[in-house]
Amino acid sequence: MKTILKEDFRSHCAVNYGVEIFGDRWSLLIIRDIVFVGKKTYGQFLKSEEGIATNVLATRLAFLEEQGILSKAPSPDDRRKDFYTLTEKGLDLIPIVLSIVMWSEKYDAKSYVRQSKEFVARLSENHRQVSEEVKALVRNGGCIFPEIKDLTV
């Protein structure tokens, strides 16, 4: 896999930088899975309903780690498994992911997030505060919907 170095960007436009780092579907869905349902392992990410291919998942996880969005460490319970967590740089993507959630709630009549009316209301009222609360929660190993085994948000 090719590491994107500063000189490898198509342009130094701020939007382009973001798109090149986290703007593909799979990167954002990996971040979503960590934030919303607390997935941490390769196997858990592989079970997401979107059906990511194993080679794509491995590539995206490695890329996000190289870019400083994720960190990888051996599982304390099973040293054969790695746990992926968001770094501070990755945690700073949470407000963006939550903005995408709100946009989707507005325009996708079948959006799963419509089932979480209380969460949507809180996020609509104070996006910044909720974003900071979620960042603290995820930083400490939690997630928004720990009771959900697979994403239905």
Protein backbone atom coordinates (compact mmCIF):
# COMPACT_ATOMS: atom_id res chain seq x y z
CA MET A 1 0.00 0.00 0.00
CA LYS A 2 1.25 3.45 -0.89
CA THR A 3 1.70 5.98 1.88
CA ILE A 4 0.42 9.43 0.99
CA LEU A 5 3.16 11.90 1.64
CA LYS A 6 2.71 15.66 1.58
CA GLU A 7 3.98 15.87 -1.99
CA ASP A 8 1.56 13.12 -3.10
CA PHE A 9 -1.58 15.24 -2.68
CA ARG A 10 -3.33 16.35 -5.83
CA SER A 11 -3.55 19.84 -4.37
CA HIS A 12 -3.14 21.53 -1.02
CA CYS A 13 -6.75 22.67 -0.93
CA ALA A 14 -8.15 22.08 2.58
CA VAL A 15 -11.12 20.11 1.23
CA ASN A 16 -8.85 17.96 -0.94
CA TYR A 17 -6.63 17.09 2.05
CA GLY A 18 -9.63 15.86 4.02
CA VAL A 19 -11.02 13.90 1.10
CA GLU A 20 -7.68 12.20 0.46
CA ILE A 21 -7.28 11.21 4.12
CA PHE A 22 -10.77 10.19 5.23
CA GLY A 23 -13.07 10.82 2.30
CA ASP A 24 -13.61 7.32 1.00
CA ARG A 25 -16.60 5.25 2.02
CA TRP A 26 -14.71 2.59 3.92
CA SER A 27 -12.60 4.90 6.07
CA LEU A 28 -15.66 6.77 7.30
CA LEU A 29 -17.53 3.52 7.96
CA ILE A 30 -14.64 2.19 10.05
CA ILE A 31 -14.68 5.42 12.06
CA ARG A 32 -18.48 5.16 12.35
CA ASP A 33 -18.22 1.60 13.68
CA ILE A 34 -15.77 2.66 16.38
CA VAL A 35 -17.78 5.73 17.42
CA PHE A 36 -21.30 4.32 17.29
CA VAL A 37 -21.02 0.67 18.30
CA GLY A 38 -17.52 0.32 19.72
CA LYS A 39 -16.00 -2.06 17.19
CA LYS A 40 -12.30 -2.57 17.77
CA THR A 41 -11.10 -5.65 15.88
CA TYR A 42 -10.61 -6.61 12.25
CA GLY A 43 -13.24 -9.34 12.60
CA GLN A 44 -15.80 -6.91 14.03
CA PHE A 45 -15.26 -4.43 11.18
CA LEU A 46 -15.56 -7.25 8.67
CA LYS A 47 -19.08 -8.05 9.95
CA SER A 48 -20.47 -4.58 9.16
CA GLU A 49 -23.61 -4.70 7.02
CA GLU A 50 -21.97 -2.90 4.08
CA GLY A 51 -19.84 -5.98 3.37
CA ILE A 52 -16.30 -4.67 3.08
CA ALA A 53 -13.90 -7.05 1.33
CA THR A 54 -11.07 -8.41 3.48
CA ASN A 55 -8.33 -6.90 1.32
CA VAL A 56 -10.02 -3.48 1.31
CA LEU A 57 -10.46 -3.57 5.09
CA ALA A 58 -6.81 -4.49 5.66
CA THR A 59 -5.70 -1.71 3.32
CA ARG A 60 -7.96 0.92 4.90
CA LEU A 61 -6.95 0.01 8.46
CA ALA A 62 -3.26 0.21 7.55
CA PHE A 63 -3.78 3.52 5.73
CA LEU A 64 -5.70 5.08 8.62
CA GLU A 65 -2.98 3.93 10.99
CA GLU A 66 -0.24 5.39 8.74
CA GLN A 67 -2.11 8.69 8.60
CA GLY A 68 -2.39 8.87 12.40
CA ILE A 69 -6.18 8.45 12.49
CA LEU A 70 -6.10 5.01 14.15
CA SER A 71 -3.71 3.32 16.51
CA LYS A 72 -3.31 -0.44 16.74
CA ALA A 73 -2.38 -2.41 19.84
CA PRO A 74 -2.59 -6.09 20.79
CA SER A 75 -5.79 -7.09 22.59
CA PRO A 76 -5.14 -7.50 26.32
CA ASP A 77 -7.26 -10.68 26.31
CA ASP A 78 -6.00 -12.31 23.11
CA ARG A 79 -2.57 -11.21 21.89
CA ARG A 80 -3.37 -12.70 18.45
CA LYS A 81 -5.95 -9.94 17.88
CA ASP A 82 -5.30 -6.25 17.46
CA PHE A 83 -7.50 -3.48 18.83
CA TYR A 84 -7.95 -0.36 16.71
CA THR A 85 -8.77 2.91 18.43
CA LEU A 86 -9.04 6.49 17.29
CA THR A 87 -6.07 8.75 17.98
CA GLU A 88 -6.64 12.40 18.92
CA LYS A 89 -6.45 13.19 15.21
CA GLY A 90 -9.12 10.55 14.59
CA LEU A 91 -11.27 11.79 17.47
CA ASP A 92 -11.26 15.22 15.82
CA LEU A 93 -13.24 13.63 12.95
CA ILE A 94 -16.21 12.94 15.24
CA PRO A 95 -17.91 16.33 14.66
CA ILE A 96 -17.65 15.72 10.91
CA VAL A 97 -19.16 12.24 11.20
CA LEU A 98 -21.97 13.65 13.37
CA SER A 99 -22.62 16.36 10.76
CA ILE A 100 -22.93 13.66 8.11
CA VAL A 101 -25.40 11.86 10.39
CA MET A 102 -27.52 15.01 10.68
CA TRP A 103 -27.42 15.62 6.94
CA SER A 104 -28.44 12.01 6.30
CA GLU A 105 -31.27 12.24 8.84
CA LYS A 106 -32.58 15.27 6.98
CA TYR A 107 -32.43 13.82 3.47
CA ASP A 108 -32.70 10.02 3.79
CA ALA A 109 -36.26 9.07 4.68
CA LYS A 110 -35.07 5.55 5.61
CA SER A 111 -32.07 6.66 7.69
CA TYR A 112 -31.55 4.45 10.74
CA VAL A 113 -30.75 7.53 12.82
CA ARG A 114 -34.42 8.57 12.66
CA GLN A 115 -35.06 5.81 15.21
CA SER A 116 -32.87 7.70 17.70
CA LYS A 117 -35.01 10.81 18.10
CA GLU A 118 -33.49 11.83 21.45
CA PHE A 119 -29.94 11.64 20.09
CA VAL A 120 -30.89 13.61 16.97
CA ALA A 121 -32.64 16.27 19.07
CA ARG A 122 -29.61 16.69 21.36
CA LEU A 123 -27.25 16.83 18.40
CA SER A 124 -29.45 19.41 16.64
CA GLU A 125 -29.63 21.60 19.75
CA ASN A 126 -25.94 21.61 20.59
CA HIS A 127 -23.70 19.94 18.02
CA ARG A 128 -20.48 21.18 19.62
CA GLN A 129 -21.33 19.96 23.13
CA VAL A 130 -22.51 16.55 21.92
CA SER A 131 -19.39 16.22 19.73
CA GLU A 132 -17.15 16.90 22.74
CA GLU A 133 -19.12 14.43 24.88
CA VAL A 134 -18.80 11.76 22.21
CA LYS A 135 -15.08 12.44 21.80
CA ALA A 136 -14.58 11.99 25.57
CA LEU A 137 -16.68 8.83 25.55
CA VAL A 138 -14.76 7.25 22.67
CA ARG A 139 -11.41 8.41 24.06
CA ASN A 140 -12.24 6.41 27.20
CA GLY A 141 -13.14 3.26 25.24
CA GLY A 142 -16.89 3.81 25.02
CA CYS A 143 -19.29 4.31 22.15
CA ILE A 144 -22.61 6.07 21.54
CA PHE A 145 -24.82 2.97 21.36
CA PRO A 146 -23.11 0.17 23.36
CA GLU A 147 -26.31 -1.87 23.48
CA ILE A 148 -26.38 -2.25 19.70
CA LYS A 149 -24.42 -5.24 18.46
CA ASP A 150 -24.55 -4.20 14.80
CA LEU A 151 -25.18 -0.76 13.49
CA THR A 152 -28.85 0.19 13.22
CA VAL A 153 -28.35 3.92 13.67
